[in-house]
Each structure stands twice: as structure tokens, then as C-alpha cells.
Amino acid sequence: MEGTLKKGFFSRLKGSTKKKSSIDNLSKGKINKDYRITEIKSHDEELDNFLFSLGCYEGEMITLISILGGNYIINIKDARYSIDKDLASAIKIEGK
């Protein structure tokens, strides 16, 4: 029994080290969770400028409010916007 306890303990311990989040962009984010924007990768300067005009740039906090009909409702700097999945995929994030 002692060997079983040790085996279970160490397997849990081993699995808990450096768990990387599977969420890498906003389209994979969870509703009502705050994220920090790490990068904007749209490969289109016009879209990058549009997102920047909304206040969406590296280091800024963003919240995914809801997903309605393929549109992502986001909150940036106390303002809500609706963006499509392509734009949401271009916003790289990390958990707060």
C-alpha cells in the first residue's frame, strides 16, 4: 500500500510542474475571464491598426464577455466591442 501511495503522490507531483495553458488566443478563451494581451498577430496592418484604435495592444487587459453567433463580445478599458473569430484568433493572450 505504501508503494501505491508514493506512486500516486509522485505522479501527481510530476504532472503539476510547468503546466502550460492550452489557451493561446482569445478565440479559445473562457467567458468572463480576464486575460493579458501578449501579442497581436493578424498579418494585416490595417487590422492591427483597427485593434490598436480599440485599445487592444500588448500588455493591455481584455475580458471575453460572451460569444454570440460567431461574434466575440470583448471588454477593453471599460468599453465593449464585437469582433469576429478571425480577429479573436489574432489576439494572443495569457491568463491574468
PDB file of N, CA and C in Angstrom:
ATOM      1  N   MET A   1       0.817  -1.195   0.000  1.00  0.00           N
ATOM      2  CA  MET A   1       0.000   0.000   0.000  1.00  0.00           C
ATOM      3  C   MET A   1       0.859   1.257   0.000  1.00  0.00           C
ATOM      4  N   GLU A   2       1.966   1.208   0.732  1.00  0.00           N
ATOM      5  CA  GLU A   2       2.842   2.368   0.794  1.00  0.00           C
ATOM      6  C   GLU A   2       3.393   2.710  -0.587  1.00  0.00           C
ATOM      7  N   GLY A   3       3.756   1.688  -1.363  1.00  0.00           N
ATOM      8  CA  GLY A   3       4.261   1.913  -2.716  1.00  0.00           C
ATOM      9  C   GLY A   3       3.217   2.561  -3.611  1.00  0.00           C
ATOM     10  N   THR A   4       1.958   2.168  -3.443  1.00  0.00           N
ATOM     11  CA  THR A   4       0.863   2.752  -4.216  1.00  0.00           C
ATOM     12  C   THR A   4       0.687   4.223  -3.874  1.00  0.00           C
ATOM     13  N   LEU A   5       0.768   4.548  -2.582  1.00  0.00           N
ATOM     14  CA  LEU A   5       0.633   5.945  -2.159  1.00  0.00           C
ATOM     15  C   LEU A   5       1.756   6.798  -2.727  1.00  0.00           C
ATOM     16  N   LYS A   6       2.984   6.280  -2.662  1.00  0.00           N
ATOM     17  CA  LYS A   6       4.121   7.025  -3.202  1.00  0.00           C
ATOM     18  C   LYS A   6       3.973   7.228  -4.702  1.00  0.00           C
ATOM     19  N   LYS A   7       3.567   6.165  -5.390  1.00  0.00           N
ATOM     20  CA  LYS A   7       3.418   6.249  -6.843  1.00  0.00           C
ATOM     21  C   LYS A   7       2.374   7.300  -7.211  1.00  0.00           C
ATOM     22  N   GLY A   8       1.238   7.305  -6.531  1.00  0.00           N
ATOM     23  CA  GLY A   8       0.191   8.289  -6.804  1.00  0.00           C
ATOM     24  C   GLY A   8       0.639   9.701  -6.494  1.00  0.00           C
ATOM     25  N   PHE A   9       1.356   9.868  -5.388  1.00  0.00           N
ATOM     26  CA  PHE A   9       1.835  11.191  -4.993  1.00  0.00           C
ATOM     27  C   PHE A   9       2.809  11.745  -6.017  1.00  0.00           C
ATOM     28  N   PHE A  10       3.796  10.936  -6.408  1.00  0.00           N
ATOM     29  CA  PHE A  10       4.805  11.426  -7.333  1.00  0.00           C
ATOM     30  C   PHE A  10       4.261  11.632  -8.739  1.00  0.00           C
ATOM     31  N   SER A  11       3.289  10.838  -9.153  1.00  0.00           N
ATOM     32  CA  SER A  11       2.708  11.060 -10.481  1.00  0.00           C
ATOM     33  C   SER A  11       1.921  12.367 -10.509  1.00  0.00           C
ATOM     34  N   ARG A  12       1.237  12.697  -9.411  1.00  0.00           N
ATOM     35  CA  ARG A  12       0.527  13.983  -9.340  1.00  0.00           C
ATOM     36  C   ARG A  12       1.521  15.131  -9.288  1.00  0.00           C
ATOM     37  N   LEU A  13       2.585  14.957  -8.523  1.00  0.00           N
ATOM     38  CA  LEU A  13       3.604  15.986  -8.403  1.00  0.00           C
ATOM     39  C   LEU A  13       4.276  16.231  -9.746  1.00  0.00           C
ATOM     40  N   LYS A  14       4.592  15.166 -10.451  1.00  0.00           N
ATOM     41  CA  LYS A  14       5.242  15.268 -11.750  1.00  0.00           C
ATOM     42  C   LYS A  14       4.342  15.988 -12.748  1.00  0.00           C
ATOM     43  N   GLY A  15       3.060  15.697 -12.742  1.00  0.00           N
ATOM     44  CA  GLY A  15       2.129  16.321 -13.670  1.00  0.00           C
ATOM     45  C   GLY A  15       1.845  17.770 -13.355  1.00  0.00           C
ATOM     46  N   SER A  16       2.134  18.214 -12.136  1.00  0.00           N
ATOM     47  CA  SER A  16       1.804  19.582 -11.750  1.00  0.00           C
ATOM     48  C   SER A  16       2.902  20.580 -12.078  1.00  0.00           C
ATOM     49  N   THR A  17       4.051  20.118 -12.515  1.00  0.00           N
ATOM     50  CA  THR A  17       5.134  21.053 -12.795  1.00  0.00           C
ATOM     51  C   THR A  17       4.998  21.637 -14.189  1.00  0.00           C
ATOM     52  N   LYS A  18       5.056  22.955 -14.250  1.00  0.00           N
ATOM     53  CA  LYS A  18       5.036  23.706 -15.506  1.00  0.00           C
ATOM     54  C   LYS A  18       3.909  23.288 -16.433  1.00  0.00           C
ATOM     55  N   LYS A  19       2.699  23.346 -15.948  1.00  0.00           N
ATOM     56  CA  LYS A  19       1.553  23.059 -16.797  1.00  0.00           C
ATOM     57  C   LYS A  19       1.303  24.256 -17.689  1.00  0.00           C
ATOM     58  N   LYS A  20       1.421  24.063 -18.986  1.00  0.00           N
ATOM     59  CA  LYS A  20       1.212  25.157 -19.915  1.00  0.00           C
ATOM     60  C   LYS A  20      -0.258  25.232 -20.286  1.00  0.00           C
ATOM     61  N   SER A  21      -0.784  26.440 -20.302  1.00  0.00           N
ATOM     62  CA  SER A  21      -2.181  26.648 -20.650  1.00  0.00           C
ATOM     63  C   SER A  21      -2.399  26.346 -22.127  1.00  0.00           C
ATOM     64  N   SER A  22      -3.523  25.701 -22.438  1.00  0.00           N
ATOM     65  CA  SER A  22      -3.836  25.407 -23.829  1.00  0.00           C
ATOM     66  C   SER A  22      -4.449  26.620 -24.521  1.00  0.00           C
ATOM     67  N   ILE A  23      -4.748  27.652 -23.746  1.00  0.00           N
ATOM     68  CA  ILE A  23      -5.333  28.865 -24.314  1.00  0.00           C
ATOM     69  C   ILE A  23      -4.202  29.761 -24.794  1.00  0.00           C
ATOM     70  N   ASP A  24      -4.136  29.986 -26.102  1.00  0.00           N
ATOM     71  CA  ASP A  24      -3.090  30.856 -26.620  1.00  0.00           C
ATOM     72  C   ASP A  24      -3.649  32.062 -27.363  1.00  0.00           C
ATOM     73  N   ASN A  25      -4.925  32.016 -27.732  1.00  0.00           N
ATOM     74  CA  ASN A  25      -5.529  33.187 -28.354  1.00  0.00           C
ATOM     75  C   ASN A  25      -6.957  33.351 -27.840  1.00  0.00           C
ATOM     76  N   LEU A  26      -7.511  34.517 -28.073  1.00  0.00           N
ATOM     77  CA  LEU A  26      -8.797  34.858 -27.475  1.00  0.00           C
ATOM     78  C   LEU A  26      -9.936  33.960 -27.953  1.00  0.00           C
ATOM     79  N   SER A  27      -9.845  33.414 -29.153  1.00  0.00           N
ATOM     80  CA  SER A  27     -10.923  32.550 -29.645  1.00  0.00           C
ATOM     81  C   SER A  27     -11.045  31.267 -28.821  1.00  0.00           C
ATOM     82  N   LYS A  28     -10.010  30.929 -28.052  1.00  0.00           N
ATOM     83  CA  LYS A  28     -10.032  29.746 -27.191  1.00  0.00           C
ATOM     84  C   LYS A  28     -10.235  30.115 -25.720  1.00  0.00           C
ATOM     85  N   GLY A  29     -10.486  31.394 -25.457  1.00  0.00           N
ATOM     86  CA  GLY A  29     -10.621  31.875 -24.087  1.00  0.00           C
ATOM     87  C   GLY A  29     -11.923  31.449 -23.431  1.00  0.00           C
ATOM     88  N   LYS A  30     -11.972  31.626 -22.124  1.00  0.00           N
ATOM     89  CA  LYS A  30     -13.164  31.302 -21.341  1.00  0.00           C
ATOM     90  C   LYS A  30     -13.950  32.576 -21.069  1.00  0.00           C
ATOM     91  N   ILE A  31     -15.257  32.445 -21.067  1.00  0.00           N
ATOM     92  CA  ILE A  31     -16.150  33.582 -20.855  1.00  0.00           C
ATOM     93  C   ILE A  31     -15.988  34.122 -19.432  1.00  0.00           C
ATOM     94  N   ASN A  32     -16.025  35.452 -19.327  1.00  0.00           N
ATOM     95  CA  ASN A  32     -15.908  36.197 -18.059  1.00  0.00           C
ATOM     96  C   ASN A  32     -14.568  35.999 -17.362  1.00  0.00           C
ATOM     97  N   LYS A  33     -13.519  35.786 -18.128  1.00  0.00           N
ATOM     98  CA  LYS A  33     -12.176  35.657 -17.564  1.00  0.00           C
ATOM     99  C   LYS A  33     -11.301  36.772 -18.113  1.00  0.00           C
ATOM    100  N   ASP A  34     -10.466  37.329 -17.244  1.00  0.00           N
ATOM    101  CA  ASP A  34      -9.541  38.387 -17.650  1.00  0.00           C
ATOM    102  C   ASP A  34      -8.264  37.774 -18.203  1.00  0.00           C
ATOM    103  N   TYR A  35      -7.760  38.385 -19.269  1.00  0.00           N
ATOM    104  CA  TYR A  35      -6.507  37.959 -19.884  1.00  0.00           C
ATOM    105  C   TYR A  35      -5.645  39.180 -20.162  1.00  0.00           C
ATOM    106  N   ARG A  36      -4.353  38.945 -20.260  1.00  0.00           N
ATOM    107  CA  ARG A  36      -3.420  39.986 -20.683  1.00  0.00           C
ATOM    108  C   ARG A  36      -3.039  39.692 -22.133  1.00  0.00           C
ATOM    109  N   ILE A  37      -3.089  40.719 -22.965  1.00  0.00           N
ATOM    110  CA  ILE A  37      -2.723  40.561 -24.374  1.00  0.00           C
ATOM    111  C   ILE A  37      -1.203  40.476 -24.467  1.00  0.00           C
ATOM    112  N   THR A  38      -0.710  39.424 -25.098  1.00  0.00           N
ATOM    113  CA  THR A  38       0.732  39.244 -25.245  1.00  0.00           C
ATOM    114  C   THR A  38       1.222  39.638 -26.631  1.00  0.00           C
ATOM    115  N   GLU A  39       0.322  39.589 -27.614  1.00  0.00           N
ATOM    116  CA  GLU A  39       0.734  39.878 -28.986  1.00  0.00           C
ATOM    117  C   GLU A  39      -0.502  39.990 -29.874  1.00  0.00           C
ATOM    118  N   ILE A  40      -0.375  40.778 -30.923  1.00  0.00           N
ATOM    119  CA  ILE A  40      -1.406  40.851 -31.959  1.00  0.00           C
ATOM    120  C   ILE A  40      -0.773  40.304 -33.232  1.00  0.00           C
ATOM    121  N   LYS A  41      -1.344  39.233 -33.785  1.00  0.00           N
ATOM    122  CA  LYS A  41      -0.790  38.591 -34.987  1.00  0.00           C
ATOM    123  C   LYS A  41      -1.873  38.414 -36.035  1.00  0.00           C
ATOM    124  N   SER A  42      -2.250  39.487 -36.693  1.00  0.00           N
ATOM    125  CA  SER A  42      -3.286  39.365 -37.714  1.00  0.00           C
ATOM    126  C   SER A  42      -2.700  39.252 -39.116  1.00  0.00           C
ATOM    127  N   HIS A  43      -1.428  39.571 -39.284  1.00  0.00           N
ATOM    128  CA  HIS A  43      -0.755  39.567 -40.586  1.00  0.00           C
ATOM    129  C   HIS A  43      -1.383  40.574 -41.550  1.00  0.00           C
ATOM    130  N   ASP A  44      -2.080  41.554 -41.004  1.00  0.00           N
ATOM    131  CA  ASP A  44      -2.708  42.600 -41.806  1.00  0.00           C
ATOM    132  C   ASP A  44      -2.569  43.912 -41.037  1.00  0.00           C
ATOM    133  N   GLU A  45      -1.791  44.826 -41.564  1.00  0.00           N
ATOM    134  CA  GLU A  45      -1.511  46.082 -40.866  1.00  0.00           C
ATOM    135  C   GLU A  45      -2.783  46.879 -40.595  1.00  0.00           C
ATOM    136  N   GLU A  46      -3.732  46.832 -41.515  1.00  0.00           N
ATOM    137  CA  GLU A  46      -4.991  47.557 -41.327  1.00  0.00           C
ATOM    138  C   GLU A  46      -5.776  47.007 -40.123  1.00  0.00           C
ATOM    139  N   LEU A  47      -5.812  45.682 -39.990  1.00  0.00           N
ATOM    140  CA  LEU A  47      -6.482  45.075 -38.834  1.00  0.00           C
ATOM    141  C   LEU A  47      -5.738  45.374 -37.534  1.00  0.00           C
ATOM    142  N   ASP A  48      -4.411  45.350 -37.593  1.00  0.00           N
ATOM    143  CA  ASP A  48      -3.617  45.702 -36.413  1.00  0.00           C
ATOM    144  C   ASP A  48      -3.925  47.127 -35.966  1.00  0.00           C
ATOM    145  N   ASN A  49      -4.008  48.049 -36.918  1.00  0.00           N
ATOM    146  CA  ASN A  49      -4.322  49.443 -36.597  1.00  0.00           C
ATOM    147  C   ASN A  49      -5.734  49.572 -36.032  1.00  0.00           C
ATOM    148  N   PHE A  50      -6.676  48.800 -36.574  1.00  0.00           N
ATOM    149  CA  PHE A  50      -8.046  48.827 -36.066  1.00  0.00           C
ATOM    150  C   PHE A  50      -8.081  48.363 -34.611  1.00  0.00           C
ATOM    151  N   LEU A  51      -7.428  47.243 -34.328  1.00  0.00           N
ATOM    152  CA  LEU A  51      -7.393  46.730 -32.957  1.00  0.00           C
ATOM    153  C   LEU A  51      -6.701  47.719 -32.019  1.00  0.00           C
ATOM    154  N   PHE A  52      -5.641  48.347 -32.501  1.00  0.00           N
ATOM    155  CA  PHE A  52      -4.941  49.344 -31.692  1.00  0.00           C
ATOM    156  C   PHE A  52      -5.860  50.520 -31.372  1.00  0.00           C
ATOM    157  N   SER A  53      -6.690  50.922 -32.333  1.00  0.00           N
ATOM    158  CA  SER A  53      -7.616  52.041 -32.101  1.00  0.00           C
ATOM    159  C   SER A  53      -8.675  51.693 -31.050  1.00  0.00           C
ATOM    160  N   LEU A  54      -8.941  50.402 -30.858  1.00  0.00           N
ATOM    161  CA  LEU A  54      -9.871  49.966 -29.816  1.00  0.00           C
ATOM    162  C   LEU A  54      -9.196  49.897 -28.443  1.00  0.00           C
ATOM    163  N   GLY A  55      -7.877  50.043 -28.423  1.00  0.00           N
ATOM    164  CA  GLY A  55      -7.139  49.910 -27.170  1.00  0.00           C
ATOM    165  C   GLY A  55      -6.613  48.511 -26.961  1.00  0.00           C
ATOM    166  N   CYS A  56      -6.616  47.733 -28.021  1.00  0.00           N
ATOM    167  CA  CYS A  56      -6.198  46.335 -27.973  1.00  0.00           C
ATOM    168  C   CYS A  56      -4.739  46.246 -28.428  1.00  0.00           C
ATOM    169  N   TYR A  57      -3.826  46.219 -27.460  1.00  0.00           N
ATOM    170  CA  TYR A  57      -2.410  46.127 -27.771  1.00  0.00           C
ATOM    171  C   TYR A  57      -1.689  45.379 -26.656  1.00  0.00           C
ATOM    172  N   GLU A  58      -0.453  45.017 -26.908  1.00  0.00           N
ATOM    173  CA  GLU A  58       0.330  44.195 -25.991  1.00  0.00           C
ATOM    174  C   GLU A  58       0.378  44.798 -24.586  1.00  0.00           C
ATOM    175  N   GLY A  59       0.107  43.965 -23.589  1.00  0.00           N
ATOM    176  CA  GLY A  59       0.149  44.385 -22.196  1.00  0.00           C
ATOM    177  C   GLY A  59      -1.202  44.816 -21.642  1.00  0.00           C
ATOM    178  N   GLU A  60      -2.164  45.073 -22.505  1.00  0.00           N
ATOM    179  CA  GLU A  60      -3.490  45.533 -22.072  1.00  0.00           C
ATOM    180  C   GLU A  60      -4.322  44.343 -21.598  1.00  0.00           C
ATOM    181  N   MET A  61      -5.223  44.600 -20.652  1.00  0.00           N
ATOM    182  CA  MET A  61      -6.131  43.567 -20.155  1.00  0.00           C
ATOM    183  C   MET A  61      -7.369  43.507 -21.050  1.00  0.00           C
ATOM    184  N   ILE A  62      -7.870  42.287 -21.257  1.00  0.00           N
ATOM    185  CA  ILE A  62      -9.049  42.061 -22.093  1.00  0.00           C
ATOM    186  C   ILE A  62      -9.903  40.987 -21.419  1.00  0.00           C
ATOM    187  N   THR A  63     -11.218  41.135 -21.527  1.00  0.00           N
ATOM    188  CA  THR A  63     -12.148  40.157 -20.968  1.00  0.00           C
ATOM    189  C   THR A  63     -13.069  39.666 -22.070  1.00  0.00           C
ATOM    190  N   LEU A  64     -13.236  38.361 -22.170  1.00  0.00           N
ATOM    191  CA  LEU A  64     -14.191  37.779 -23.106  1.00  0.00           C
ATOM    192  C   LEU A  64     -15.539  37.723 -22.394  1.00  0.00           C
ATOM    193  N   ILE A  65     -16.481  38.564 -22.824  1.00  0.00           N
ATOM    194  CA  ILE A  65     -17.787  38.670 -22.172  1.00  0.00           C
ATOM    195  C   ILE A  65     -18.711  37.533 -22.614  1.00  0.00           C
ATOM    196  N   SER A  66     -18.824  37.319 -23.923  1.00  0.00           N
ATOM    197  CA  SER A  66     -19.678  36.241 -24.431  1.00  0.00           C
ATOM    198  C   SER A  66     -19.345  35.964 -25.888  1.00  0.00           C
ATOM    199  N   ILE A  67     -19.916  34.879 -26.377  1.00  0.00           N
ATOM    200  CA  ILE A  67     -19.796  34.518 -27.790  1.00  0.00           C
ATOM    201  C   ILE A  67     -21.212  34.358 -28.310  1.00  0.00           C
ATOM    202  N   LEU A  68     -21.577  35.194 -29.259  1.00  0.00           N
ATOM    203  CA  LEU A  68     -22.939  35.193 -29.808  1.00  0.00           C
ATOM    204  C   LEU A  68     -22.886  35.075 -31.323  1.00  0.00           C
ATOM    205  N   GLY A  69     -23.392  33.986 -31.850  1.00  0.00           N
ATOM    206  CA  GLY A  69     -23.465  33.804 -33.298  1.00  0.00           C
ATOM    207  C   GLY A  69     -22.140  33.959 -34.011  1.00  0.00           C
ATOM    208  N   GLY A  70     -21.063  33.478 -33.414  1.00  0.00           N
ATOM    209  CA  GLY A  70     -19.748  33.576 -34.040  1.00  0.00           C
ATOM    210  C   GLY A  70     -19.038  34.889 -33.773  1.00  0.00           C
ATOM    211  N   ASN A  71     -19.688  35.809 -33.070  1.00  0.00           N
ATOM    212  CA  ASN A  71     -19.057  37.073 -32.697  1.00  0.00           C
ATOM    213  C   ASN A  71     -18.618  37.012 -31.244  1.00  0.00           C
ATOM    214  N   TYR A  72     -17.463  37.565 -30.985  1.00  0.00           N
ATOM    215  CA  TYR A  72     -16.883  37.575 -29.650  1.00  0.00           C
ATOM    216  C   TYR A  72     -17.089  38.963 -29.051  1.00  0.00           C
ATOM    217  N   ILE A  73     -17.819  39.013 -27.947  1.00  0.00           N
ATOM    218  CA  ILE A  73     -18.048  40.271 -27.253  1.00  0.00           C
ATOM    219  C   ILE A  73     -16.928  40.410 -26.228  1.00  0.00           C
ATOM    220  N   ILE A  74     -16.135  41.483 -26.377  1.00  0.00           N
ATOM    221  CA  ILE A  74     -14.978  41.681 -25.514  1.00  0.00           C
ATOM    222  C   ILE A  74     -15.091  42.996 -24.760  1.00  0.00           C
ATOM    223  N   ASN A  75     -14.365  43.078 -23.674  1.00  0.00           N
ATOM    224  CA  ASN A  75     -14.297  44.297 -22.882  1.00  0.00           C
ATOM    225  C   ASN A  75     -12.839  44.721 -22.795  1.00  0.00           C
ATOM    226  N   ILE A  76     -12.563  45.936 -23.269  1.00  0.00           N
ATOM    227  CA  ILE A  76     -11.229  46.525 -23.178  1.00  0.00           C
ATOM    228  C   ILE A  76     -11.403  47.937 -22.643  1.00  0.00           C
ATOM    229  N   LYS A  77     -10.716  48.257 -21.562  1.00  0.00           N
ATOM    230  CA  LYS A  77     -10.756  49.614 -20.994  1.00  0.00           C
ATOM    231  C   LYS A  77     -12.178  50.123 -20.797  1.00  0.00           C
ATOM    232  N   ASP A  78     -13.019  49.347 -20.140  1.00  0.00           N
ATOM    233  CA  ASP A  78     -14.403  49.726 -19.821  1.00  0.00           C
ATOM    234  C   ASP A  78     -15.273  49.985 -21.048  1.00  0.00           C
ATOM    235  N   ALA A  79     -14.923  49.417 -22.191  1.00  0.00           N
ATOM    236  CA  ALA A  79     -15.747  49.526 -23.398  1.00  0.00           C
ATOM    237  C   ALA A  79     -15.943  48.124 -23.966  1.00  0.00           C
ATOM    238  N   ARG A  80     -17.127  47.888 -24.529  1.00  0.00           N
ATOM    239  CA  ARG A  80     -17.433  46.580 -25.123  1.00  0.00           C
ATOM    240  C   ARG A  80     -17.419  46.685 -26.639  1.00  0.00           C
ATOM    241  N   TYR A  81     -16.875  45.636 -27.255  1.00  0.00           N
ATOM    242  CA  TYR A  81     -16.803  45.563 -28.708  1.00  0.00           C
ATOM    243  C   TYR A  81     -17.195  44.159 -29.150  1.00  0.00           C
ATOM    244  N   SER A  82     -17.627  44.055 -30.393  1.00  0.00           N
ATOM    245  CA  SER A  82     -17.925  42.770 -31.002  1.00  0.00           C
ATOM    246  C   SER A  82     -16.925  42.545 -32.135  1.00  0.00           C
ATOM    247  N   ILE A  83     -16.211  41.427 -32.071  1.00  0.00           N
ATOM    248  CA  ILE A  83     -15.247  41.104 -33.122  1.00  0.00           C
ATOM    249  C   ILE A  83     -15.530  39.691 -33.620  1.00  0.00           C
ATOM    250  N   ASP A  84     -15.074  39.401 -34.838  1.00  0.00           N
ATOM    251  CA  ASP A  84     -15.300  38.060 -35.386  1.00  0.00           C
ATOM    252  C   ASP A  84     -14.193  37.101 -34.926  1.00  0.00           C
ATOM    253  N   LYS A  85     -14.340  35.840 -35.290  1.00  0.00           N
ATOM    254  CA  LYS A  85     -13.405  34.810 -34.836  1.00  0.00           C
ATOM    255  C   LYS A  85     -11.996  35.040 -35.372  1.00  0.00           C
ATOM    256  N   ASP A  86     -11.875  35.555 -36.598  1.00  0.00           N
ATOM    257  CA  ASP A  86     -10.544  35.813 -37.156  1.00  0.00           C
ATOM    258  C   ASP A  86      -9.783  36.832 -36.314  1.00  0.00           C
ATOM    259  N   LEU A  87     -10.467  37.903 -35.918  1.00  0.00           N
ATOM    260  CA  LEU A  87      -9.819  38.903 -35.066  1.00  0.00           C
ATOM    261  C   LEU A  87      -9.518  38.326 -33.685  1.00  0.00           C
ATOM    262  N   ALA A  88     -10.451  37.557 -33.135  1.00  0.00           N
ATOM    263  CA  ALA A  88     -10.227  36.942 -31.824  1.00  0.00           C
ATOM    264  C   ALA A  88      -9.020  36.003 -31.869  1.00  0.00           C
ATOM    265  N   SER A  89      -8.845  35.308 -32.978  1.00  0.00           N
ATOM    266  CA  SER A  89      -7.704  34.398 -33.129  1.00  0.00           C
ATOM    267  C   SER A  89      -6.385  35.154 -33.248  1.00  0.00           C
ATOM    268  N   ALA A  90      -6.432  36.382 -33.719  1.00  0.00           N
ATOM    269  CA  ALA A  90      -5.224  37.193 -33.886  1.00  0.00           C
ATOM    270  C   ALA A  90      -4.728  37.772 -32.565  1.00  0.00           C
ATOM    271  N   ILE A  91      -5.572  37.765 -31.534  1.00  0.00           N
ATOM    272  CA  ILE A  91      -5.212  38.332 -30.234  1.00  0.00           C
ATOM    273  C   ILE A  91      -4.644  37.218 -29.357  1.00  0.00           C
ATOM    274  N   LYS A  92      -3.337  37.230 -29.179  1.00  0.00           N
ATOM    275  CA  LYS A  92      -2.656  36.227 -28.345  1.00  0.00           C
ATOM    276  C   LYS A  92      -2.736  36.680 -26.890  1.00  0.00           C
ATOM    277  N   ILE A  93      -3.052  35.741 -25.999  1.00  0.00           N
ATOM    278  CA  ILE A  93      -3.314  36.090 -24.603  1.00  0.00           C
ATOM    279  C   ILE A  93      -2.607  35.150 -23.635  1.00  0.00           C
ATOM    280  N   GLU A  94      -2.577  35.587 -22.376  1.00  0.00           N
ATOM    281  CA  GLU A  94      -2.158  34.730 -21.272  1.00  0.00           C
ATOM    282  C   GLU A  94      -3.073  35.030 -20.104  1.00  0.00           C
ATOM    283  N   GLY A  95      -3.259  34.055 -19.233  1.00  0.00           N
ATOM    284  CA  GLY A  95      -4.122  34.237 -18.070  1.00  0.00           C
ATOM    285  C   GLY A  95      -3.594  35.309 -17.147  1.00  0.00           C
ATOM    286  N   LYS A  96      -4.498  35.933 -16.432  1.00  0.00           N
ATOM    287  CA  LYS A  96      -4.132  37.023 -15.517  1.00  0.00           C
ATOM    288  C   LYS A  96      -3.380  36.492 -14.335  1.00  0.00           C
TER     289      LYS A  96
END
